[in-house]
PDB file of all heavy atoms in Angstrom:
ATOM      1  N   ILE A   1     -87.761  90.749 -17.927  1.00  0.00           N
ATOM      2  CA  ILE A   1     -86.643  91.649 -17.661  1.00  0.00           C
ATOM      3  C   ILE A   1     -86.187  91.473 -16.224  1.00  0.00           C
ATOM      4  O   ILE A   1     -86.976  91.509 -15.293  1.00  0.00           O
ATOM      5  CB  ILE A   1     -87.052  93.114 -17.899  1.00  0.00           C
ATOM      6  CG1 ILE A   1     -87.457  93.301 -19.354  1.00  0.00           C
ATOM      7  CG2 ILE A   1     -85.914  94.063 -17.544  1.00  0.00           C
ATOM      8  CD1 ILE A   1     -88.047  94.649 -19.651  1.00  0.00           C
ATOM      9  N   GLY A   2     -84.896  91.292 -16.057  1.00  0.00           N
ATOM     10  CA  GLY A   2     -84.347  91.120 -14.717  1.00  0.00           C
ATOM     11  C   GLY A   2     -84.349  89.679 -14.258  1.00  0.00           C
ATOM     12  O   GLY A   2     -83.891  89.389 -13.164  1.00  0.00           O
ATOM     13  N   SER A   3     -84.829  88.738 -15.085  1.00  0.00           N
ATOM     14  CA  SER A   3     -84.848  87.344 -14.664  1.00  0.00           C
ATOM     15  C   SER A   3     -83.443  86.789 -14.489  1.00  0.00           C
ATOM     16  O   SER A   3     -83.255  85.792 -13.818  1.00  0.00           O
ATOM     17  CB  SER A   3     -85.622  86.500 -15.688  1.00  0.00           C
ATOM     18  OG  SER A   3     -85.012  86.578 -16.964  1.00  0.00           O
ATOM     19  N   ASP A   4     -82.439  87.478 -15.123  1.00  0.00           N
ATOM     20  CA  ASP A   4     -81.058  87.069 -14.935  1.00  0.00           C
ATOM     21  C   ASP A   4     -80.348  87.983 -13.940  1.00  0.00           C
ATOM     22  O   ASP A   4     -79.133  87.967 -13.832  1.00  0.00           O
ATOM     23  CB  ASP A   4     -80.318  87.077 -16.277  1.00  0.00           C
ATOM     24  CG  ASP A   4     -80.332  88.438 -16.946  1.00  0.00           C
ATOM     25  OD1 ASP A   4     -81.128  89.305 -16.512  1.00  0.00           O
ATOM     26  OD2 ASP A   4     -79.540  88.641 -17.892  1.00  0.00           O
ATOM     27  N   GLN A   5     -81.132  88.794 -13.218  1.00  0.00           N
ATOM     28  CA  GLN A   5     -80.561  89.712 -12.237  1.00  0.00           C
ATOM     29  C   GLN A   5     -81.100  89.341 -10.856  1.00  0.00           C
ATOM     30  O   GLN A   5     -81.104  88.184 -10.488  1.00  0.00           O
ATOM     31  CB  GLN A   5     -80.888  91.156 -12.631  1.00  0.00           C
ATOM     32  CG  GLN A   5     -80.342  91.534 -14.010  1.00  0.00           C
ATOM     33  CD  GLN A   5     -80.832  92.885 -14.476  1.00  0.00           C
ATOM     34  OE1 GLN A   5     -81.488  93.626 -13.753  1.00  0.00           O
ATOM     35  NE2 GLN A   5     -80.516  93.215 -15.725  1.00  0.00           N
ATOM     36  N   ASP A   6     -81.544  90.321 -10.090  1.00  0.00           N
ATOM     37  CA  ASP A   6     -82.048  90.076  -8.751  1.00  0.00           C
ATOM     38  C   ASP A   6     -83.319  89.222  -8.817  1.00  0.00           C
ATOM     39  O   ASP A   6     -84.316  89.635  -9.419  1.00  0.00           O
ATOM     40  CB  ASP A   6     -82.357  91.415  -8.079  1.00  0.00           C
ATOM     41  CG  ASP A   6     -82.665  91.262  -6.602  1.00  0.00           C
ATOM     42  OD1 ASP A   6     -83.364  90.296  -6.233  1.00  0.00           O
ATOM     43  OD2 ASP A   6     -82.203  92.094  -5.822  1.00  0.00           O
ATOM     44  N   PRO A   7     -83.338  88.037  -8.208  1.00  0.00           N
ATOM     45  CA  PRO A   7     -84.500  87.152  -8.321  1.00  0.00           C
ATOM     46  C   PRO A   7     -85.707  87.636  -7.541  1.00  0.00           C
ATOM     47  O   PRO A   7     -86.819  87.151  -7.753  1.00  0.00           O
ATOM     48  CB  PRO A   7     -83.984  85.820  -7.764  1.00  0.00           C
ATOM     49  CG  PRO A   7     -82.902  86.215  -6.819  1.00  0.00           C
ATOM     50  CD  PRO A   7     -82.246  87.424  -7.440  1.00  0.00           C
ATOM     51  N   ILE A   8     -85.521  88.582  -6.619  1.00  0.00           N
ATOM     52  CA  ILE A   8     -86.644  89.078  -5.837  1.00  0.00           C
ATOM     53  C   ILE A   8     -87.123  90.425  -6.348  1.00  0.00           C
ATOM     54  O   ILE A   8     -88.311  90.673  -6.471  1.00  0.00           O
ATOM     55  CB  ILE A   8     -86.263  89.185  -4.338  1.00  0.00           C
ATOM     56  CG1 ILE A   8     -86.030  87.783  -3.764  1.00  0.00           C
ATOM     57  CG2 ILE A   8     -87.341  89.915  -3.542  1.00  0.00           C
ATOM     58  CD1 ILE A   8     -85.604  87.774  -2.330  1.00  0.00           C
ATOM     59  N   ALA A   9     -86.177  91.329  -6.702  1.00  0.00           N
ATOM     60  CA  ALA A   9     -86.554  92.684  -7.096  1.00  0.00           C
ATOM     61  C   ALA A   9     -86.951  92.804  -8.560  1.00  0.00           C
ATOM     62  O   ALA A   9     -87.413  93.850  -8.979  1.00  0.00           O
ATOM     63  CB  ALA A   9     -85.402  93.648  -6.802  1.00  0.00           C
ATOM     64  N   ASN A  10     -86.765  91.750  -9.345  1.00  0.00           N
ATOM     65  CA  ASN A  10     -87.122  91.862 -10.760  1.00  0.00           C
ATOM     66  C   ASN A  10     -88.648  91.978 -10.896  1.00  0.00           C
ATOM     67  O   ASN A  10     -89.396  91.611 -10.002  1.00  0.00           O
ATOM     68  CB  ASN A  10     -86.566  90.666 -11.550  1.00  0.00           C
ATOM     69  CG  ASN A  10     -87.369  89.406 -11.338  1.00  0.00           C
ATOM     70  OD1 ASN A  10     -88.437  89.228 -11.903  1.00  0.00           O
ATOM     71  ND2 ASN A  10     -86.837  88.510 -10.516  1.00  0.00           N
ATOM     72  N   PRO A  11     -89.124  92.527 -12.016  1.00  0.00           N
ATOM     73  CA  PRO A  11     -90.557  92.807 -12.163  1.00  0.00           C
ATOM     74  C   PRO A  11     -91.473  91.613 -11.970  1.00  0.00           C
ATOM     75  O   PRO A  11     -92.613  91.773 -11.554  1.00  0.00           O
ATOM     76  CB  PRO A  11     -90.653  93.360 -13.599  1.00  0.00           C
ATOM     77  CG  PRO A  11     -89.307  93.949 -13.854  1.00  0.00           C
ATOM     78  CD  PRO A  11     -88.328  93.044 -13.144  1.00  0.00           C
ATOM     79  N   PHE A  12     -91.004  90.410 -12.279  1.00  0.00           N
ATOM     80  CA  PHE A  12     -91.868  89.232 -12.174  1.00  0.00           C
ATOM     81  C   PHE A  12     -92.280  88.958 -10.731  1.00  0.00           C
ATOM     82  O   PHE A  12     -93.398  88.517 -10.459  1.00  0.00           O
ATOM     83  CB  PHE A  12     -91.139  88.020 -12.755  1.00  0.00           C
ATOM     84  CG  PHE A  12     -91.987  86.775 -12.785  1.00  0.00           C
ATOM     85  CD1 PHE A  12     -93.047  86.655 -13.658  1.00  0.00           C
ATOM     86  CD2 PHE A  12     -91.733  85.720 -11.918  1.00  0.00           C
ATOM     87  CE1 PHE A  12     -93.838  85.520 -13.678  1.00  0.00           C
ATOM     88  CE2 PHE A  12     -92.506  84.572 -11.925  1.00  0.00           C
ATOM     89  CZ  PHE A  12     -93.562  84.471 -12.817  1.00  0.00           C
ATOM     90  N   LEU A  13     -91.374  89.218  -9.749  1.00  0.00           N
ATOM     91  CA  LEU A  13     -91.659  88.907  -8.349  1.00  0.00           C
ATOM     92  C   LEU A  13     -91.782  90.130  -7.449  1.00  0.00           C
ATOM     93  O   LEU A  13     -92.124  89.994  -6.277  1.00  0.00           O
ATOM     94  CB  LEU A  13     -90.541  88.003  -7.776  1.00  0.00           C
ATOM     95  CG  LEU A  13     -90.444  86.581  -8.322  1.00  0.00           C
ATOM     96  CD1 LEU A  13     -89.294  85.849  -7.653  1.00  0.00           C
ATOM     97  CD2 LEU A  13     -91.738  85.824  -8.084  1.00  0.00           C
ATOM     98  N   ARG A  14     -91.505  91.318  -7.992  1.00  0.00           N
ATOM     99  CA  ARG A  14     -91.414  92.501  -7.132  1.00  0.00           C
ATOM    100  C   ARG A  14     -92.654  92.710  -6.276  1.00  0.00           C
ATOM    101  O   ARG A  14     -92.567  93.022  -5.090  1.00  0.00           O
ATOM    102  CB  ARG A  14     -91.164  93.747  -7.987  1.00  0.00           C
ATOM    103  CG  ARG A  14     -90.999  95.022  -7.144  1.00  0.00           C
ATOM    104  CD  ARG A  14     -90.936  96.267  -8.007  1.00  0.00           C
ATOM    105  NE  ARG A  14     -89.793  96.217  -8.893  1.00  0.00           N
ATOM    106  CZ  ARG A  14     -89.874  96.169 -10.219  1.00  0.00           C
ATOM    107  NH1 ARG A  14     -91.057  96.143 -10.802  1.00  0.00           N
ATOM    108  NH2 ARG A  14     -88.798  96.142 -10.960  1.00  0.00           N
ATOM    109  N   ASP A  15     -93.834  92.547  -6.843  1.00  0.00           N
ATOM    110  CA  ASP A  15     -95.064  92.803  -6.097  1.00  0.00           C
ATOM    111  C   ASP A  15     -95.632  91.547  -5.444  1.00  0.00           C
ATOM    112  O   ASP A  15     -96.746  91.572  -4.913  1.00  0.00           O
ATOM    113  CB  ASP A  15     -96.108  93.425  -7.026  1.00  0.00           C
ATOM    114  CG  ASP A  15     -95.673  94.798  -7.504  1.00  0.00           C
ATOM    115  OD1 ASP A  15     -95.038  95.519  -6.718  1.00  0.00           O
ATOM    116  OD2 ASP A  15     -95.960  95.131  -8.668  1.00  0.00           O
ATOM    117  N   PHE A  16     -94.884  90.454  -5.488  1.00  0.00           N
ATOM    118  CA  PHE A  16     -95.303  89.206  -4.865  1.00  0.00           C
ATOM    119  C   PHE A  16     -94.340  88.891  -3.718  1.00  0.00           C
ATOM    120  O   PHE A  16     -94.529  89.344  -2.600  1.00  0.00           O
ATOM    121  CB  PHE A  16     -95.348  88.081  -5.910  1.00  0.00           C
ATOM    122  CG  PHE A  16     -96.396  88.322  -6.959  1.00  0.00           C
ATOM    123  CD1 PHE A  16     -96.153  89.141  -8.041  1.00  0.00           C
ATOM    124  CD2 PHE A  16     -97.648  87.736  -6.839  1.00  0.00           C
ATOM    125  CE1 PHE A  16     -97.132  89.381  -8.997  1.00  0.00           C
ATOM    126  CE2 PHE A  16     -98.633  87.968  -7.784  1.00  0.00           C
ATOM    127  CZ  PHE A  16     -98.378  88.796  -8.868  1.00  0.00           C
ATOM    128  N   VAL A  17     -93.287  88.117  -3.976  1.00  0.00           N
ATOM    129  CA  VAL A  17     -92.280  87.856  -2.950  1.00  0.00           C
ATOM    130  C   VAL A  17     -91.587  89.151  -2.539  1.00  0.00           C
ATOM    131  O   VAL A  17     -91.312  89.396  -1.371  1.00  0.00           O
ATOM    132  CB  VAL A  17     -91.238  86.842  -3.474  1.00  0.00           C
ATOM    133  CG1 VAL A  17     -90.148  86.612  -2.446  1.00  0.00           C
ATOM    134  CG2 VAL A  17     -91.920  85.522  -3.818  1.00  0.00           C
ATOM    135  N   GLY A  18     -91.303  90.004  -3.523  1.00  0.00           N
ATOM    136  CA  GLY A  18     -90.508  91.194  -3.256  1.00  0.00           C
ATOM    137  C   GLY A  18     -91.193  92.257  -2.439  1.00  0.00           C
ATOM    138  O   GLY A  18     -90.530  93.115  -1.853  1.00  0.00           O
ATOM    139  N   SER A  19     -92.519  92.245  -2.367  1.00  0.00           N
ATOM    140  CA  SER A  19     -93.211  93.312  -1.658  1.00  0.00           C
ATOM    141  C   SER A  19     -92.847  93.344  -0.178  1.00  0.00           C
ATOM    142  O   SER A  19     -92.724  94.403   0.421  1.00  0.00           O
ATOM    143  CB  SER A  19     -94.729  93.157  -1.824  1.00  0.00           C
ATOM    144  OG  SER A  19     -95.171  91.938  -1.253  1.00  0.00           O
ATOM    145  N   GLY A  20     -92.661  92.172   0.425  1.00  0.00           N
ATOM    146  CA  GLY A  20     -92.296  92.130   1.838  1.00  0.00           C
ATOM    147  C   GLY A  20     -90.836  92.432   2.091  1.00  0.00           C
ATOM    148  O   GLY A  20     -90.437  92.703   3.227  1.00  0.00           O
ATOM    149  N   ALA A  21     -90.014  92.383   1.022  1.00  0.00           N
ATOM    150  CA  ALA A  21     -88.585  92.622   1.184  1.00  0.00           C
ATOM    151  C   ALA A  21     -88.235  94.094   1.134  1.00  0.00           C
ATOM    152  O   ALA A  21     -87.098  94.458   1.424  1.00  0.00           O
ATOM    153  CB  ALA A  21     -87.806  91.871   0.107  1.00  0.00           C
ATOM    154  N   ARG A  22     -89.173  94.944   0.774  1.00  0.00           N
ATOM    155  CA  ARG A  22     -88.898  96.372   0.677  1.00  0.00           C
ATOM    156  C   ARG A  22     -89.395  97.097   1.922  1.00  0.00           C
ATOM    157  O   ARG A  22     -90.483  96.852   2.424  1.00  0.00           O
ATOM    158  CB  ARG A  22     -89.586  96.980  -0.561  1.00  0.00           C
ATOM    159  CG  ARG A  22     -89.058  96.444  -1.871  1.00  0.00           C
ATOM    160  CD  ARG A  22     -89.453  97.353  -3.040  1.00  0.00           C
ATOM    161  NE  ARG A  22     -90.888  97.560  -3.132  1.00  0.00           N
ATOM    162  CZ  ARG A  22     -91.706  96.763  -3.807  1.00  0.00           C
ATOM    163  NH1 ARG A  22     -91.230  95.693  -4.421  1.00  0.00           N
ATOM    164  NH2 ARG A  22     -92.998  97.016  -3.865  1.00  0.00           N
ATOM    165  N   ASP A  23     -88.562  97.994   2.414  1.00  0.00           N
ATOM    166  CA  ASP A  23     -88.953  98.912   3.488  1.00  0.00           C
ATOM    167  C   ASP A  23     -89.438  98.200   4.747  1.00  0.00           C
ATOM    168  O   ASP A  23     -90.498  98.525   5.296  1.00  0.00           O
ATOM    169  CB  ASP A  23     -90.043  99.876   2.984  1.00  0.00           C
ATOM    170  CG  ASP A  23     -89.571 100.702   1.797  1.00  0.00           C
ATOM    171  OD1 ASP A  23     -88.452 101.231   1.854  1.00  0.00           O
ATOM    172  OD2 ASP A  23     -90.323 100.797   0.801  1.00  0.00           O
ATOM    173  N   VAL A  24     -88.671  97.219   5.223  1.00  0.00           N
ATOM    174  CA  VAL A  24     -88.980  96.593   6.520  1.00  0.00           C
ATOM    175  C   VAL A  24     -88.805  97.667   7.597  1.00  0.00           C
ATOM    176  O   VAL A  24     -87.729  98.266   7.709  1.00  0.00           O
ATOM    177  CB  VAL A  24     -88.040  95.411   6.801  1.00  0.00           C
ATOM    178  CG1 VAL A  24     -88.296  94.839   8.192  1.00  0.00           C
ATOM    179  CG2 VAL A  24     -88.200  94.335   5.731  1.00  0.00           C
ATOM    180  N   PRO A  25     -89.837  97.977   8.374  1.00  0.00           N
ATOM    181  CA  PRO A  25     -89.755  99.076   9.342  1.00  0.00           C
ATOM    182  C   PRO A  25     -88.637  98.871  10.365  1.00  0.00           C
ATOM    183  O   PRO A  25     -88.447  97.765  10.874  1.00  0.00           O
ATOM    184  CB  PRO A  25     -91.130  99.065  10.017  1.00  0.00           C
ATOM    185  CG  PRO A  25     -92.029  98.368   9.055  1.00  0.00           C
ATOM    186  CD  PRO A  25     -91.170  97.340   8.371  1.00  0.00           C
ATOM    187  N   GLU A  26     -87.934  99.946  10.656  1.00  0.00           N
ATOM    188  CA  GLU A  26     -86.865  99.901  11.651  1.00  0.00           C
ATOM    189  C   GLU A  26     -87.399  99.467  13.007  1.00  0.00           C
ATOM    190  O   GLU A  26     -86.746  98.734  13.745  1.00  0.00           O
ATOM    191  CB  GLU A  26     -86.200 101.281  11.753  1.00  0.00           C
ATOM    192  CG  GLU A  26     -85.038 101.358  12.726  1.00  0.00           C
ATOM    193  CD  GLU A  26     -83.751 100.755  12.211  1.00  0.00           C
ATOM    194  OE1 GLU A  26     -83.642 100.550  10.984  1.00  0.00           O
ATOM    195  OE2 GLU A  26     -82.851 100.500  13.029  1.00  0.00           O
ATOM    196  N   GLU A  27     -88.602  99.910  13.341  1.00  0.00           N
ATOM    197  CA  GLU A  27     -89.169  99.542  14.639  1.00  0.00           C
ATOM    198  C   GLU A  27     -89.547  98.066  14.714  1.00  0.00           C
ATOM    199  O   GLU A  27     -89.631  97.500  15.802  1.00  0.00           O
ATOM    200  CB  GLU A  27     -90.385 100.413  14.974  1.00  0.00           C
ATOM    201  CG  GLU A  27     -91.545 100.307  14.001  1.00  0.00           C
ATOM    202  CD  GLU A  27     -91.454 101.319  12.860  1.00  0.00           C
ATOM    203  OE1 GLU A  27     -90.351 101.838  12.617  1.00  0.00           O
ATOM    204  OE2 GLU A  27     -92.492 101.565  12.213  1.00  0.00           O
ATOM    205  N   LEU A  28     -89.775  97.450  13.563  1.00  0.00           N
ATOM    206  CA  LEU A  28     -90.086  96.021  13.542  1.00  0.00           C
ATOM    207  C   LEU A  28     -88.829  95.183  13.724  1.00  0.00           C
ATOM    208  O   LEU A  28     -88.854  94.168  14.424  1.00  0.00           O
ATOM    209  CB  LEU A  28     -90.756  95.654  12.211  1.00  0.00           C
ATOM    210  CG  LEU A  28     -91.043  94.168  11.990  1.00  0.00           C
ATOM    211  CD1 LEU A  28     -92.083  93.668  12.980  1.00  0.00           C
ATOM    212  CD2 LEU A  28     -91.501  93.916  10.557  1.00  0.00           C
ATOM    213  N   PHE A  29     -87.724  95.619  13.106  1.00  0.00           N
ATOM    214  CA  PHE A  29     -86.483  94.859  13.164  1.00  0.00           C
ATOM    215  C   PHE A  29     -85.325  95.845  12.987  1.00  0.00           C
ATOM    216  O   PHE A  29     -84.902  96.116  11.863  1.00  0.00           O
ATOM    217  CB  PHE A  29     -86.470  93.801  12.057  1.00  0.00           C
ATOM    218  CG  PHE A  29     -85.532  92.652  12.295  1.00  0.00           C
ATOM    219  CD1 PHE A  29     -85.617  91.885  13.441  1.00  0.00           C
ATOM    220  CD2 PHE A  29     -84.567  92.317  11.350  1.00  0.00           C
ATOM    221  CE1 PHE A  29     -84.766  90.809  13.652  1.00  0.00           C
ATOM    222  CE2 PHE A  29     -83.707  91.241  11.547  1.00  0.00           C
ATOM    223  CZ  PHE A  29     -83.807  90.490  12.705  1.00  0.00           C
ATOM    224  N   PRO A  30     -84.807  96.392  14.088  1.00  0.00           N
ATOM    225  CA  PRO A  30     -83.795  97.444  13.989  1.00  0.00           C
ATOM    226  C   PRO A  30     -82.485  96.957  13.369  1.00  0.00           C
ATOM    227  O   PRO A  30     -82.125  95.779  13.486  1.00  0.00           O
ATOM    228  CB  PRO A  30     -83.571  97.855  15.455  1.00  0.00           C
ATOM    229  CG  PRO A  30     -84.725  97.315  16.205  1.00  0.00           C
ATOM    230  CD  PRO A  30     -85.183  96.104  15.479  1.00  0.00           C
ATOM    231  N   ALA A  31     -81.775  97.854  12.724  1.00  0.00           N
ATOM    232  CA  ALA A  31     -80.436  97.553  12.237  1.00  0.00           C
ATOM    233  C   ALA A  31     -79.492  97.428  13.426  1.00  0.00           C
ATOM    234  O   ALA A  31     -79.669  98.078  14.457  1.00  0.00           O
ATOM    235  CB  ALA A  31     -79.958  98.657  11.296  1.00  0.00           C
ATOM    236  N   GLY A  32     -78.493  96.576  13.297  1.00  0.00           N
ATOM    237  CA  GLY A  32     -77.520  96.379  14.368  1.00  0.00           C
ATOM    238  C   GLY A  32     -77.183  94.907  14.542  1.00  0.00           C
ATOM    239  O   GLY A  32     -77.412  94.087  13.654  1.00  0.00           O
ATOM    240  N   PHE A  33     -76.656  94.580  15.724  1.00  0.00           N
ATOM    241  CA  PHE A  33     -76.213  93.216  16.011  1.00  0.00           C
ATOM    242  C   PHE A  33     -77.265  92.454  16.815  1.00  0.00           C
ATOM    243  O   PHE A  33     -77.946  93.023  17.677  1.00  0.00           O
ATOM    244  CB  PHE A  33     -74.902  93.235  16.795  1.00  0.00           C
ATOM    245  CG  PHE A  33     -73.725  93.698  15.994  1.00  0.00           C
ATOM    246  CD1 PHE A  33     -73.354  95.036  15.998  1.00  0.00           C
ATOM    247  CD2 PHE A  33     -72.993  92.805  15.223  1.00  0.00           C
ATOM    248  CE1 PHE A  33     -72.261  95.471  15.255  1.00  0.00           C
ATOM    249  CE2 PHE A  33     -71.909  93.229  14.479  1.00  0.00           C
ATOM    250  CZ  PHE A  33     -71.542  94.580  14.489  1.00  0.00           C
ATOM    251  N   TYR A  34     -77.353  91.154  16.514  1.00  0.00           N
ATOM    252  CA  TYR A  34     -78.279  90.259  17.215  1.00  0.00           C
ATOM    253  C   TYR A  34     -77.525  89.011  17.672  1.00  0.00           C
ATOM    254  O   TYR A  34     -76.687  88.485  16.935  1.00  0.00           O
ATOM    255  CB  TYR A  34     -79.422  89.815  16.295  1.00  0.00           C
ATOM    256  CG  TYR A  34     -80.412  90.889  15.945  1.00  0.00           C
ATOM    257  CD1 TYR A  34     -80.100  91.861  14.999  1.00  0.00           C
ATOM    258  CD2 TYR A  34     -81.660  90.930  16.552  1.00  0.00           C
ATOM    259  CE1 TYR A  34     -81.016  92.851  14.656  1.00  0.00           C
ATOM    260  CE2 TYR A  34     -82.588  91.919  16.213  1.00  0.00           C
ATOM    261  CZ  TYR A  34     -82.254  92.871  15.273  1.00  0.00           C
ATOM    262  OH  TYR A  34     -83.158  93.846  14.940  1.00  0.00           O
ATOM    263  N   ARG A  35     -77.850  88.564  18.876  1.00  0.00           N
ATOM    264  CA  ARG A  35     -77.406  87.249  19.340  1.00  0.00           C
ATOM    265  C   ARG A  35     -78.561  86.277  19.074  1.00  0.00           C
ATOM    266  O   ARG A  35     -79.708  86.566  19.396  1.00  0.00           O
ATOM    267  CB  ARG A  35     -77.086  87.269  20.822  1.00  0.00           C
ATOM    268  CG  ARG A  35     -76.807  85.881  21.398  1.00  0.00           C
ATOM    269  CD  ARG A  35     -76.208  85.924  22.796  1.00  0.00           C
ATOM    270  NE  ARG A  35     -76.685  87.022  23.609  1.00  0.00           N
ATOM    271  CZ  ARG A  35     -75.948  87.607  24.585  1.00  0.00           C
ATOM    272  NH1 ARG A  35     -74.729  87.175  24.831  1.00  0.00           N
ATOM    273  NH2 ARG A  35     -76.442  88.600  25.298  1.00  0.00           N
ATOM    274  N   PHE A  36     -78.244  85.134  18.446  1.00  0.00           N
ATOM    275  CA  PHE A  36     -79.288  84.145  18.200  1.00  0.00           C
ATOM    276  C   PHE A  36     -78.923  82.838  18.893  1.00  0.00           C
ATOM    277  O   PHE A  36     -77.750  82.551  19.167  1.00  0.00           O
ATOM    278  CB  PHE A  36     -79.499  83.913  16.700  1.00  0.00           C
ATOM    279  CG  PHE A  36     -78.388  83.170  16.008  1.00  0.00           C
ATOM    280  CD1 PHE A  36     -78.356  81.785  15.981  1.00  0.00           C
ATOM    281  CD2 PHE A  36     -77.370  83.868  15.371  1.00  0.00           C
ATOM    282  CE1 PHE A  36     -77.335  81.098  15.342  1.00  0.00           C
ATOM    283  CE2 PHE A  36     -76.341  83.195  14.727  1.00  0.00           C
ATOM    284  CZ  PHE A  36     -76.322  81.803  14.720  1.00  0.00           C
ATOM    285  N   SER A  37     -79.911  82.033  19.169  1.00  0.00           N
ATOM    286  CA  SER A  37     -79.684  80.701  19.734  1.00  0.00           C
ATOM    287  C   SER A  37     -80.720  79.739  19.183  1.00  0.00           C
ATOM    288  O   SER A  37     -81.860  80.123  18.919  1.00  0.00           O
ATOM    289  CB  SER A  37     -79.740  80.738  21.271  1.00  0.00           C
ATOM    290  OG  SER A  37     -81.002  81.171  21.724  1.00  0.00           O
ATOM    291  N   ARG A  38     -80.303  78.513  19.004  1.00  0.00           N
ATOM    292  CA  ARG A  38     -81.188  77.445  18.515  1.00  0.00           C
ATOM    293  C   ARG A  38     -80.528  76.113  18.809  1.00  0.00           C
ATOM    294  O   ARG A  38     -79.336  76.042  19.099  1.00  0.00           O
ATOM    295  CB  ARG A  38     -81.419  77.574  17.007  1.00  0.00           C
ATOM    296  CG  ARG A  38     -80.148  77.463  16.172  1.00  0.00           C
ATOM    297  CD  ARG A  38     -80.446  77.260  14.705  1.00  0.00           C
ATOM    298  NE  ARG A  38     -79.262  77.313  13.860  1.00  0.00           N
ATOM    299  CZ  ARG A  38     -78.411  76.322  13.667  1.00  0.00           C
ATOM    300  NH1 ARG A  38     -78.609  75.159  14.294  1.00  0.00           N
ATOM    301  NH2 ARG A  38     -77.368  76.455  12.878  1.00  0.00           N
ATOM    302  N   ARG A  39     -81.318  75.048  18.719  1.00  0.00           N
ATOM    303  CA  ARG A  39     -80.764  73.713  18.857  1.00  0.00           C
ATOM    304  C   ARG A  39     -79.884  73.412  17.648  1.00  0.00           C
ATOM    305  O   ARG A  39     -80.165  73.831  16.531  1.00  0.00           O
ATOM    306  CB  ARG A  39     -81.888  72.681  18.948  1.00  0.00           C
ATOM    307  CG  ARG A  39     -81.402  71.269  19.302  1.00  0.00           C
ATOM    308  CD  ARG A  39     -82.558  70.281  19.312  1.00  0.00           C
ATOM    309  NE  ARG A  39     -83.514  70.557  20.350  1.00  0.00           N
ATOM    310  CZ  ARG A  39     -83.415  70.116  21.606  1.00  0.00           C
ATOM    311  NH1 ARG A  39     -82.362  69.368  21.957  1.00  0.00           N
ATOM    312  NH2 ARG A  39     -84.338  70.407  22.499  1.00  0.00           N
ATOM    313  N   SER A  40     -78.797  72.703  17.859  1.00  0.00           N
ATOM    314  CA  SER A  40     -77.901  72.348  16.763  1.00  0.00           C
ATOM    315  C   SER A  40     -78.563  71.350  15.829  1.00  0.00           C
ATOM    316  O   SER A  40     -79.212  70.402  16.279  1.00  0.00           O
ATOM    317  CB  SER A  40     -76.603  71.748  17.321  1.00  0.00           C
ATOM    318  OG  SER A  40     -75.849  71.144  16.288  1.00  0.00           O
ATOM    319  N   PHE A  41     -78.413  71.555  14.532  1.00  0.00           N
ATOM    320  CA  PHE A  41     -78.908  70.591  13.557  1.00  0.00           C
ATOM    321  C   PHE A  41     -78.009  69.361  13.493  1.00  0.00           C
ATOM    322  O   PHE A  41     -78.432  68.287  13.080  1.00  0.00           O
ATOM    323  CB  PHE A  41     -78.965  71.224  12.160  1.00  0.00           C
ATOM    324  CG  PHE A  41     -80.075  72.214  11.984  1.00  0.00           C
ATOM    325  CD1 PHE A  41     -79.805  73.495  11.529  1.00  0.00           C
ATOM    326  CD2 PHE A  41     -81.384  71.873  12.265  1.00  0.00           C
ATOM    327  CE1 PHE A  41     -80.822  74.413  11.350  1.00  0.00           C
ATOM    328  CE2 PHE A  41     -82.414  72.783  12.104  1.00  0.00           C
ATOM    329  CZ  PHE A  41     -82.129  74.054  11.640  1.00  0.00           C
ATOM    330  N   VAL A  42     -76.757  69.511  13.910  1.00  0.00           N
ATOM    331  CA  VAL A  42     -75.769  68.443  13.788  1.00  0.00           C
ATOM    332  C   VAL A  42     -75.721  67.572  15.039  1.00  0.00           C
ATOM    333  O   VAL A  42     -75.673  66.349  14.964  1.00  0.00           O
ATOM    334  CB  VAL A  42     -74.366  69.040  13.504  1.00  0.00           C
ATOM    335  CG1 VAL A  42     -73.334  67.928  13.359  1.00  0.00           C
ATOM    336  CG2 VAL A  42     -74.395  69.909  12.259  1.00  0.00           C
ATOM    337  N   THR A  43     -75.749  68.195  16.212  1.00  0.00           N
ATOM    338  CA  THR A  43     -75.705  67.485  17.490  1.00  0.00           C
ATOM    339  C   THR A  43     -76.892  67.935  18.323  1.00  0.00           C
ATOM    340  O   THR A  43     -76.872  69.012  18.917  1.00  0.00           O
ATOM    341  CB  THR A  43     -74.387  67.778  18.244  1.00  0.00           C
ATOM    342  OG1 THR A  43     -73.277  67.555  17.369  1.00  0.00           O
ATOM    343  CG2 THR A  43     -74.254  66.889  19.471  1.00  0.00           C
TER     344      THR A  43
END
């Protein structure tokens, strides 16, 4: 059930991959804007 719906929240993965996707603490990663930087993959 749900295999044609959300690939993470469906019952097959909810307690495996999906467990880390639920309730990420605000203090760990606050909502809002972030500036990111990394080396370019192209140049």
